[in-house]
Amino acid sequence: MSPVYIARVKEVAARSIGGEMMIMSARDSMLFSLNETATAIWQAADGATPLAEIVQRSVCARFEVDAATALRDAEELVEGLAQHGILKVSNLPIEETP
């Protein structure tokens, strides 16, 4: 299986409020409230770090969850956020554009 890379999309409004990350999609004006685990993935989505490494470092290291379960849940989260234009997903590192 090839690595998956994720990057935050710049066309969103994101704010941390009371420990939750609130994100509004510019594409469809949907508002998302990310829990602590999803926030950790969102914040680590730099386009250069594989999702599996993000999960290991930002989820498994902080929460009591096995790597396989955490990665499966992260892949579902990423897929949903990508469908709403919140994250970019690629099988190659994602370079930031100015």
PDB file of N, CA and C in Angstrom:
ATOM      1  N   MET A   1       0.850  -1.179   0.000  1.00  0.00           N
ATOM      2  CA  MET A   1       0.000   0.000   0.000  1.00  0.00           C
ATOM      3  C   MET A   1       0.898   1.246   0.000  1.00  0.00           C
ATOM      4  N   SER A   2       0.617   2.184  -0.880  1.00  0.00           N
ATOM      5  CA  SER A   2       1.433   3.394  -0.951  1.00  0.00           C
ATOM      6  C   SER A   2       1.036   4.360   0.161  1.00  0.00           C
ATOM      7  N   PRO A   3       1.957   5.210   0.565  1.00  0.00           N
ATOM      8  CA  PRO A   3       1.643   6.150   1.634  1.00  0.00           C
ATOM      9  C   PRO A   3       0.611   7.180   1.182  1.00  0.00           C
ATOM     10  N   VAL A   4      -0.110   7.720   2.138  1.00  0.00           N
ATOM     11  CA  VAL A   4      -1.100   8.758   1.895  1.00  0.00           C
ATOM     12  C   VAL A   4      -0.603  10.019   2.577  1.00  0.00           C
ATOM     13  N   TYR A   5      -0.646  11.128   1.845  1.00  0.00           N
ATOM     14  CA  TYR A   5      -0.238  12.419   2.380  1.00  0.00           C
ATOM     15  C   TYR A   5      -1.460  13.327   2.426  1.00  0.00           C
ATOM     16  N   ILE A   6      -1.532  14.142   3.475  1.00  0.00           N
ATOM     17  CA  ILE A   6      -2.659  15.060   3.606  1.00  0.00           C
ATOM     18  C   ILE A   6      -2.150  16.467   3.889  1.00  0.00           C
ATOM     19  N   ALA A   7      -2.897  17.446   3.388  1.00  0.00           N
ATOM     20  CA  ALA A   7      -2.550  18.844   3.623  1.00  0.00           C
ATOM     21  C   ALA A   7      -3.833  19.634   3.853  1.00  0.00           C
ATOM     22  N   ARG A   8      -3.751  20.599   4.735  1.00  0.00           N
ATOM     23  CA  ARG A   8      -4.890  21.483   4.975  1.00  0.00           C
ATOM     24  C   ARG A   8      -5.106  22.364   3.740  1.00  0.00           C
ATOM     25  N   VAL A   9      -6.354  22.607   3.418  1.00  0.00           N
ATOM     26  CA  VAL A   9      -6.702  23.511   2.335  1.00  0.00           C
ATOM     27  C   VAL A   9      -6.733  24.923   2.902  1.00  0.00           C
ATOM     28  N   LYS A  10      -6.193  25.865   2.156  1.00  0.00           N
ATOM     29  CA  LYS A  10      -6.112  27.240   2.655  1.00  0.00           C
ATOM     30  C   LYS A  10      -7.439  27.986   2.596  1.00  0.00           C
ATOM     31  N   GLU A  11      -8.364  27.513   1.775  1.00  0.00           N
ATOM     32  CA  GLU A  11      -9.635  28.203   1.594  1.00  0.00           C
ATOM     33  C   GLU A  11     -10.666  27.790   2.643  1.00  0.00           C
ATOM     34  N   VAL A  12     -10.240  27.721   3.887  1.00  0.00           N
ATOM     35  CA  VAL A  12     -11.147  27.410   4.991  1.00  0.00           C
ATOM     36  C   VAL A  12     -10.872  28.381   6.131  1.00  0.00           C
ATOM     37  N   ALA A  13     -11.864  28.548   6.963  1.00  0.00           N
ATOM     38  CA  ALA A  13     -11.685  29.307   8.193  1.00  0.00           C
ATOM     39  C   ALA A  13     -11.604  28.290   9.316  1.00  0.00           C
ATOM     40  N   ALA A  14     -10.526  28.331  10.097  1.00  0.00           N
ATOM     41  CA  ALA A  14     -10.339  27.367  11.185  1.00  0.00           C
ATOM     42  C   ALA A  14      -9.957  28.095  12.460  1.00  0.00           C
ATOM     43  N   ARG A  15     -10.643  27.772  13.540  1.00  0.00           N
ATOM     44  CA  ARG A  15     -10.375  28.374  14.842  1.00  0.00           C
ATOM     45  C   ARG A  15     -10.530  27.332  15.931  1.00  0.00           C
ATOM     46  N   SER A  16      -9.673  27.408  16.922  1.00  0.00           N
ATOM     47  CA  SER A  16      -9.788  26.544  18.085  1.00  0.00           C
ATOM     48  C   SER A  16     -10.653  27.253  19.115  1.00  0.00           C
ATOM     49  N   ILE A  17     -11.736  26.596  19.501  1.00  0.00           N
ATOM     50  CA  ILE A  17     -12.675  27.177  20.461  1.00  0.00           C
ATOM     51  C   ILE A  17     -12.950  26.143  21.539  1.00  0.00           C
ATOM     52  N   GLY A  18     -12.548  26.446  22.752  1.00  0.00           N
ATOM     53  CA  GLY A  18     -12.818  25.543  23.870  1.00  0.00           C
ATOM     54  C   GLY A  18     -12.270  24.147  23.680  1.00  0.00           C
ATOM     55  N   GLY A  19     -11.099  24.021  23.078  1.00  0.00           N
ATOM     56  CA  GLY A  19     -10.475  22.726  22.896  1.00  0.00           C
ATOM     57  C   GLY A  19     -10.920  21.972  21.656  1.00  0.00           C
ATOM     58  N   GLU A  20     -11.868  22.522  20.897  1.00  0.00           N
ATOM     59  CA  GLU A  20     -12.316  21.900  19.654  1.00  0.00           C
ATOM     60  C   GLU A  20     -11.905  22.793  18.492  1.00  0.00           C
ATOM     61  N   MET A  21     -11.612  22.173  17.357  1.00  0.00           N
ATOM     62  CA  MET A  21     -11.280  22.919  16.153  1.00  0.00           C
ATOM     63  C   MET A  21     -12.556  23.084  15.349  1.00  0.00           C
ATOM     64  N   MET A  22     -12.913  24.327  15.073  1.00  0.00           N
ATOM     65  CA  MET A  22     -14.077  24.631  14.245  1.00  0.00           C
ATOM     66  C   MET A  22     -13.558  25.034  12.868  1.00  0.00           C
ATOM     67  N   ILE A  23     -14.078  24.381  11.821  1.00  0.00           N
ATOM     68  CA  ILE A  23     -13.621  24.635  10.458  1.00  0.00           C
ATOM     69  C   ILE A  23     -14.835  24.878   9.574  1.00  0.00           C
ATOM     70  N   MET A  24     -14.773  25.957   8.784  1.00  0.00           N
ATOM     71  CA  MET A  24     -15.830  26.235   7.822  1.00  0.00           C
ATOM     72  C   MET A  24     -15.265  26.105   6.422  1.00  0.00           C
ATOM     73  N   SER A  25     -15.920  25.314   5.619  1.00  0.00           N
ATOM     74  CA  SER A  25     -15.520  25.093   4.231  1.00  0.00           C
ATOM     75  C   SER A  25     -15.978  26.258   3.371  1.00  0.00           C
ATOM     76  N   ALA A  26     -15.059  26.807   2.576  1.00  0.00           N
ATOM     77  CA  ALA A  26     -15.414  27.875   1.648  1.00  0.00           C
ATOM     78  C   ALA A  26     -16.236  27.320   0.485  1.00  0.00           C
ATOM     79  N   ARG A  27     -16.072  26.037   0.199  1.00  0.00           N
ATOM     80  CA  ARG A  27     -16.764  25.431  -0.940  1.00  0.00           C
ATOM     81  C   ARG A  27     -18.271  25.346  -0.723  1.00  0.00           C
ATOM     82  N   ASP A  28     -18.677  24.861   0.459  1.00  0.00           N
ATOM     83  CA  ASP A  28     -20.108  24.663   0.674  1.00  0.00           C
ATOM     84  C   ASP A  28     -20.620  25.275   1.979  1.00  0.00           C
ATOM     85  N   SER A  29     -19.803  26.085   2.632  1.00  0.00           N
ATOM     86  CA  SER A  29     -20.157  26.782   3.880  1.00  0.00           C
ATOM     87  C   SER A  29     -20.559  25.841   5.002  1.00  0.00           C
ATOM     88  N   MET A  30     -20.156  24.579   4.934  1.00  0.00           N
ATOM     89  CA  MET A  30     -20.439  23.650   6.015  1.00  0.00           C
ATOM     90  C   MET A  30     -19.489  23.918   7.173  1.00  0.00           C
ATOM     91  N   LEU A  31     -19.992  23.760   8.367  1.00  0.00           N
ATOM     92  CA  LEU A  31     -19.202  23.953   9.577  1.00  0.00           C
ATOM     93  C   LEU A  31     -18.898  22.590  10.180  1.00  0.00           C
ATOM     94  N   PHE A  32     -17.625  22.369  10.505  1.00  0.00           N
ATOM     95  CA  PHE A  32     -17.182  21.109  11.091  1.00  0.00           C
ATOM     96  C   PHE A  32     -16.606  21.384  12.467  1.00  0.00           C
ATOM     97  N   SER A  33     -16.923  20.516  13.408  1.00  0.00           N
ATOM     98  CA  SER A  33     -16.359  20.577  14.745  1.00  0.00           C
ATOM     99  C   SER A  33     -15.530  19.306  14.930  1.00  0.00           C
ATOM    100  N   LEU A  34     -14.215  19.476  15.047  1.00  0.00           N
ATOM    101  CA  LEU A  34     -13.330  18.323  15.179  1.00  0.00           C
ATOM    102  C   LEU A  34     -13.043  18.033  16.640  1.00  0.00           C
ATOM    103  N   ASN A  35     -13.121  16.775  17.017  1.00  0.00           N
ATOM    104  CA  ASN A  35     -12.767  16.398  18.382  1.00  0.00           C
ATOM    105  C   ASN A  35     -11.242  16.459  18.544  1.00  0.00           C
ATOM    106  N   GLU A  36     -10.765  16.102  19.709  1.00  0.00           N
ATOM    107  CA  GLU A  36      -9.340  16.224  20.015  1.00  0.00           C
ATOM    108  C   GLU A  36      -8.465  15.376  19.091  1.00  0.00           C
ATOM    109  N   THR A  37      -8.919  14.180  18.792  1.00  0.00           N
ATOM    110  CA  THR A  37      -8.149  13.295  17.909  1.00  0.00           C
ATOM    111  C   THR A  37      -8.111  13.844  16.488  1.00  0.00           C
ATOM    112  N   ALA A  38      -9.259  14.231  15.968  1.00  0.00           N
ATOM    113  CA  ALA A  38      -9.322  14.795  14.617  1.00  0.00           C
ATOM    114  C   ALA A  38      -8.535  16.095  14.525  1.00  0.00           C
ATOM    115  N   THR A  39      -8.556  16.889  15.591  1.00  0.00           N
ATOM    116  CA  THR A  39      -7.782  18.133  15.622  1.00  0.00           C
ATOM    117  C   THR A  39      -6.296  17.844  15.527  1.00  0.00           C
ATOM    118  N   ALA A  40      -5.834  16.808  16.214  1.00  0.00           N
ATOM    119  CA  ALA A  40      -4.413  16.436  16.159  1.00  0.00           C
ATOM    120  C   ALA A  40      -4.011  16.073  14.728  1.00  0.00           C
ATOM    121  N   ILE A  41      -4.872  15.357  14.018  1.00  0.00           N
ATOM    122  CA  ILE A  41      -4.590  14.991  12.630  1.00  0.00           C
ATOM    123  C   ILE A  41      -4.611  16.233  11.749  1.00  0.00           C
ATOM    124  N   TRP A  42      -5.615  17.076  11.920  1.00  0.00           N
ATOM    125  CA  TRP A  42      -5.738  18.325  11.145  1.00  0.00           C
ATOM    126  C   TRP A  42      -4.491  19.198  11.311  1.00  0.00           C
ATOM    127  N   GLN A  43      -4.062  19.375  12.541  1.00  0.00           N
ATOM    128  CA  GLN A  43      -2.917  20.245  12.799  1.00  0.00           C
ATOM    129  C   GLN A  43      -1.618  19.680  12.233  1.00  0.00           C
ATOM    130  N   ALA A  44      -1.515  18.366  12.130  1.00  0.00           N
ATOM    131  CA  ALA A  44      -0.295  17.734  11.620  1.00  0.00           C
ATOM    132  C   ALA A  44      -0.301  17.568  10.100  1.00  0.00           C
ATOM    133  N   ALA A  45      -1.396  17.911   9.451  1.00  0.00           N
ATOM    134  CA  ALA A  45      -1.540  17.719   7.997  1.00  0.00           C
ATOM    135  C   ALA A  45      -0.708  18.750   7.244  1.00  0.00           C
ATOM    136  N   ASP A  46       0.575  18.424   7.058  1.00  0.00           N
ATOM    137  CA  ASP A  46       1.506  19.369   6.437  1.00  0.00           C
ATOM    138  C   ASP A  46       1.815  19.060   4.984  1.00  0.00           C
ATOM    139  N   GLY A  47       1.254  17.978   4.459  1.00  0.00           N
ATOM    140  CA  GLY A  47       1.494  17.604   3.076  1.00  0.00           C
ATOM    141  C   GLY A  47       2.778  16.833   2.850  1.00  0.00           C
ATOM    142  N   ALA A  48       3.670  16.826   3.842  1.00  0.00           N
ATOM    143  CA  ALA A  48       4.967  16.174   3.703  1.00  0.00           C
ATOM    144  C   ALA A  48       5.090  14.907   4.548  1.00  0.00           C
ATOM    145  N   THR A  49       4.255  14.785   5.558  1.00  0.00           N
ATOM    146  CA  THR A  49       4.322  13.653   6.479  1.00  0.00           C
ATOM    147  C   THR A  49       3.236  12.639   6.117  1.00  0.00           C
ATOM    148  N   PRO A  50       3.598  11.380   5.919  1.00  0.00           N
ATOM    149  CA  PRO A  50       2.580  10.363   5.602  1.00  0.00           C
ATOM    150  C   PRO A  50       1.549  10.242   6.729  1.00  0.00           C
ATOM    151  N   LEU A  51       0.315   9.970   6.347  1.00  0.00           N
ATOM    152  CA  LEU A  51      -0.768   9.840   7.317  1.00  0.00           C
ATOM    153  C   LEU A  51      -0.439   8.811   8.387  1.00  0.00           C
ATOM    154  N   ALA A  52       0.138   7.690   8.018  1.00  0.00           N
ATOM    155  CA  ALA A  52       0.473   6.643   9.001  1.00  0.00           C
ATOM    156  C   ALA A  52       1.431   7.183  10.067  1.00  0.00           C
ATOM    157  N   GLU A  53       2.377   8.020   9.660  1.00  0.00           N
ATOM    158  CA  GLU A  53       3.306   8.620  10.623  1.00  0.00           C
ATOM    159  C   GLU A  53       2.601   9.644  11.507  1.00  0.00           C
ATOM    160  N   ILE A  54       1.689  10.419  10.928  1.00  0.00           N
ATOM    161  CA  ILE A  54       0.904  11.382  11.709  1.00  0.00           C
ATOM    162  C   ILE A  54       0.098  10.647  12.767  1.00  0.00           C
ATOM    163  N   VAL A  55      -0.537   9.550  12.368  1.00  0.00           N
ATOM    164  CA  VAL A  55      -1.346   8.768  13.304  1.00  0.00           C
ATOM    165  C   VAL A  55      -0.473   8.217  14.428  1.00  0.00           C
ATOM    166  N   GLN A  56       0.662   7.656  14.062  1.00  0.00           N
ATOM    167  CA  GLN A  56       1.560   7.084  15.074  1.00  0.00           C
ATOM    168  C   GLN A  56       2.036   8.154  16.058  1.00  0.00           C
ATOM    169  N   ARG A  57       2.443   9.286  15.528  1.00  0.00           N
ATOM    170  CA  ARG A  57       3.042  10.351  16.339  1.00  0.00           C
ATOM    171  C   ARG A  57       2.009  11.202  17.078  1.00  0.00           C
ATOM    172  N   SER A  58       0.896  11.530  16.412  1.00  0.00           N
ATOM    173  CA  SER A  58      -0.061  12.473  16.992  1.00  0.00           C
ATOM    174  C   SER A  58      -1.287  11.832  17.611  1.00  0.00           C
ATOM    175  N   VAL A  59      -1.557  10.582  17.275  1.00  0.00           N
ATOM    176  CA  VAL A  59      -2.746   9.922  17.831  1.00  0.00           C
ATOM    177  C   VAL A  59      -2.344   8.803  18.791  1.00  0.00           C
ATOM    178  N   CYS A  60      -1.609   7.812  18.294  1.00  0.00           N
ATOM    179  CA  CYS A  60      -1.242   6.666  19.145  1.00  0.00           C
ATOM    180  C   CYS A  60      -0.401   7.089  20.343  1.00  0.00           C
ATOM    181  N   ALA A  61       0.459   8.069  20.161  1.00  0.00           N
ATOM    182  CA  ALA A  61       1.319   8.524  21.254  1.00  0.00           C
ATOM    183  C   ALA A  61       0.532   9.272  22.327  1.00  0.00           C
ATOM    184  N   ARG A  62      -0.640   9.840  21.971  1.00  0.00           N
ATOM    185  CA  ARG A  62      -1.413  10.649  22.917  1.00  0.00           C
ATOM    186  C   ARG A  62      -2.646   9.949  23.457  1.00  0.00           C
ATOM    187  N   PHE A  63      -3.170   9.001  22.699  1.00  0.00           N
ATOM    188  CA  PHE A  63      -4.421   8.340  23.080  1.00  0.00           C
ATOM    189  C   PHE A  63      -4.195   6.830  23.134  1.00  0.00           C
ATOM    190  N   GLU A  64      -4.956   6.149  23.945  1.00  0.00           N
ATOM    191  CA  GLU A  64      -4.812   4.702  24.074  1.00  0.00           C
ATOM    192  C   GLU A  64      -5.583   4.011  22.959  1.00  0.00           C
ATOM    193  N   VAL A  65      -4.909   3.818  21.820  1.00  0.00           N
ATOM    194  CA  VAL A  65      -5.519   3.171  20.666  1.00  0.00           C
ATOM    195  C   VAL A  65      -4.419   2.461  19.887  1.00  0.00           C
ATOM    196  N   ASP A  66      -4.754   1.300  19.327  1.00  0.00           N
ATOM    197  CA  ASP A  66      -3.741   0.588  18.554  1.00  0.00           C
ATOM    198  C   ASP A  66      -3.601   1.237  17.178  1.00  0.00           C
ATOM    199  N   ALA A  67      -2.446   1.068  16.565  1.00  0.00           N
ATOM    200  CA  ALA A  67      -2.106   1.741  15.316  1.00  0.00           C
ATOM    201  C   ALA A  67      -3.056   1.385  14.178  1.00  0.00           C
ATOM    202  N   ALA A  68      -3.442   0.127  14.049  1.00  0.00           N
ATOM    203  CA  ALA A  68      -4.314  -0.292  12.942  1.00  0.00           C
ATOM    204  C   ALA A  68      -5.692   0.365  13.042  1.00  0.00           C
ATOM    205  N   THR A  69      -6.260   0.372  14.239  1.00  0.00           N
ATOM    206  CA  THR A  69      -7.569   0.995  14.446  1.00  0.00           C
ATOM    207  C   THR A  69      -7.483   2.499  14.217  1.00  0.00           C
ATOM    208  N   ALA A  70      -6.445   3.124  14.765  1.00  0.00           N
ATOM    209  CA  ALA A  70      -6.277   4.565  14.621  1.00  0.00           C
ATOM    210  C   ALA A  70      -6.105   4.959  13.155  1.00  0.00           C
ATOM    211  N   LEU A  71      -5.325   4.187  12.400  1.00  0.00           N
ATOM    212  CA  LEU A  71      -5.113   4.503  10.994  1.00  0.00           C
ATOM    213  C   LEU A  71      -6.403   4.335  10.198  1.00  0.00           C
ATOM    214  N   ARG A  72      -7.137   3.263  10.454  1.00  0.00           N
ATOM    215  CA  ARG A  72      -8.409   3.047   9.756  1.00  0.00           C
ATOM    216  C   ARG A  72      -9.378   4.203  10.029  1.00  0.00           C
ATOM    217  N   ASP A  73      -9.490   4.615  11.292  1.00  0.00           N
ATOM    218  CA  ASP A  73     -10.370   5.731  11.648  1.00  0.00           C
ATOM    219  C   ASP A  73      -9.884   7.031  11.013  1.00  0.00           C
ATOM    220  N   ALA A  74      -8.568   7.240  10.980  1.00  0.00           N
ATOM    221  CA  ALA A  74      -8.002   8.452  10.384  1.00  0.00           C
ATOM    222  C   ALA A  74      -8.271   8.498   8.888  1.00  0.00           C
ATOM    223  N   GLU A  75      -8.173   7.356   8.222  1.00  0.00           N
ATOM    224  CA  GLU A  75      -8.451   7.305   6.784  1.00  0.00           C
ATOM    225  C   GLU A  75      -9.900   7.678   6.496  1.00  0.00           C
ATOM    226  N   GLU A  76     -10.826   7.232   7.331  1.00  0.00           N
ATOM    227  CA  GLU A  76     -12.241   7.586   7.163  1.00  0.00           C
ATOM    228  C   GLU A  76     -12.449   9.082   7.383  1.00  0.00           C
ATOM    229  N   LEU A  77     -11.821   9.613   8.420  1.00  0.00           N
ATOM    230  CA  LEU A  77     -11.919  11.043   8.705  1.00  0.00           C
ATOM    231  C   LEU A  77     -11.384  11.859   7.537  1.00  0.00           C
ATOM    232  N   VAL A  78     -10.199  11.503   7.068  1.00  0.00           N
ATOM    233  CA  VAL A  78      -9.543  12.224   5.977  1.00  0.00           C
ATOM    234  C   VAL A  78     -10.402  12.169   4.714  1.00  0.00           C
ATOM    235  N   GLU A  79     -10.954  11.018   4.415  1.00  0.00           N
ATOM    236  CA  GLU A  79     -11.804  10.883   3.232  1.00  0.00           C
ATOM    237  C   GLU A  79     -13.005  11.828   3.316  1.00  0.00           C
ATOM    238  N   GLY A  80     -13.640  11.866   4.473  1.00  0.00           N
ATOM    239  CA  GLY A  80     -14.800  12.747   4.659  1.00  0.00           C
ATOM    240  C   GLY A  80     -14.432  14.216   4.532  1.00  0.00           C
ATOM    241  N   LEU A  81     -13.336  14.611   5.151  1.00  0.00           N
ATOM    242  CA  LEU A  81     -12.916  16.012   5.067  1.00  0.00           C
ATOM    243  C   LEU A  81     -12.474  16.378   3.656  1.00  0.00           C
ATOM    244  N   ALA A  82     -11.864  15.451   2.956  1.00  0.00           N
ATOM    245  CA  ALA A  82     -11.446  15.705   1.567  1.00  0.00           C
ATOM    246  C   ALA A  82     -12.669  15.886   0.665  1.00  0.00           C
ATOM    247  N   GLN A  83     -13.717  15.123   0.903  1.00  0.00           N
ATOM    248  CA  GLN A  83     -14.941  15.247   0.096  1.00  0.00           C
ATOM    249  C   GLN A  83     -15.562  16.633   0.239  1.00  0.00           C
ATOM    250  N   HIS A  84     -15.345  17.269   1.382  1.00  0.00           N
ATOM    251  CA  HIS A  84     -15.885  18.607   1.617  1.00  0.00           C
ATOM    252  C   HIS A  84     -14.875  19.711   1.315  1.00  0.00           C
ATOM    253  N   GLY A  85     -13.730  19.345   0.754  1.00  0.00           N
ATOM    254  CA  GLY A  85     -12.739  20.351   0.386  1.00  0.00           C
ATOM    255  C   GLY A  85     -11.964  20.924   1.552  1.00  0.00           C
ATOM    256  N   ILE A  86     -11.906  20.187   2.671  1.00  0.00           N
ATOM    257  CA  ILE A  86     -11.203  20.649   3.869  1.00  0.00           C
ATOM    258  C   ILE A  86      -9.739  20.200   3.849  1.00  0.00           C
ATOM    259  N   LEU A  87      -9.485  19.050   3.270  1.00  0.00           N
ATOM    260  CA  LEU A  87      -8.128  18.503   3.173  1.00  0.00           C
ATOM    261  C   LEU A  87      -7.839  18.088   1.731  1.00  0.00           C
ATOM    262  N   LYS A  88      -6.571  18.158   1.351  1.00  0.00           N
ATOM    263  CA  LYS A  88      -6.097  17.583   0.095  1.00  0.00           C
ATOM    264  C   LYS A  88      -5.482  16.229   0.443  1.00  0.00           C
ATOM    265  N   VAL A  89      -5.684  15.253  -0.412  1.00  0.00           N
ATOM    266  CA  VAL A  89      -5.145  13.907  -0.199  1.00  0.00           C
ATOM    267  C   VAL A  89      -4.403  13.491  -1.462  1.00  0.00           C
ATOM    268  N   SER A  90      -3.226  12.880  -1.271  1.00  0.00           N
ATOM    269  CA  SER A  90      -2.417  12.448  -2.407  1.00  0.00           C
ATOM    270  C   SER A  90      -1.572  11.247  -2.005  1.00  0.00           C
ATOM    271  N   ASN A  91      -1.123  10.479  -3.008  1.00  0.00           N
ATOM    272  CA  ASN A  91      -0.190   9.389  -2.710  1.00  0.00           C
ATOM    273  C   ASN A  91       1.258   9.861  -2.870  1.00  0.00           C
ATOM    274  N   LEU A  92       1.435  11.151  -3.135  1.00  0.00           N
ATOM    275  CA  LEU A  92       2.756  11.800  -3.178  1.00  0.00           C
ATOM    276  C   LEU A  92       2.732  12.993  -2.239  1.00  0.00           C
ATOM    277  N   PRO A  93       3.906  13.414  -1.738  1.00  0.00           N
ATOM    278  CA  PRO A  93       3.928  14.617  -0.894  1.00  0.00           C
ATOM    279  C   PRO A  93       3.284  15.795  -1.619  1.00  0.00           C
ATOM    280  N   ILE A  94       2.583  16.602  -0.866  1.00  0.00           N
ATOM    281  CA  ILE A  94       1.845  17.746  -1.409  1.00  0.00           C
ATOM    282  C   ILE A  94       2.649  19.007  -1.127  1.00  0.00           C
ATOM    283  N   GLU A  95       3.049  19.681  -2.188  1.00  0.00           N
ATOM    284  CA  GLU A  95       3.807  20.915  -2.033  1.00  0.00           C
ATOM    285  C   GLU A  95       2.870  22.072  -1.851  1.00  0.00           C
ATOM    286  N   GLU A  96       3.253  22.991  -0.969  1.00  0.00           N
ATOM    287  CA  GLU A  96       2.456  24.195  -0.772  1.00  0.00           C
ATOM    288  C   GLU A  96       2.645  25.119  -1.950  1.00  0.00           C
ATOM    289  N   THR A  97       1.546  25.736  -2.375  1.00  0.00           N
ATOM    290  CA  THR A  97       1.631  26.726  -3.425  1.00  0.00           C
ATOM    291  C   THR A  97       1.485  28.107  -2.797  1.00  0.00           C
ATOM    292  N   PRO A  98       2.262  29.071  -3.270  1.00  0.00           N
ATOM    293  CA  PRO A  98       2.204  30.413  -2.661  1.00  0.00           C
ATOM    294  C   PRO A  98       0.896  31.106  -2.866  1.00  0.00           C
TER     295      PRO A  98
END
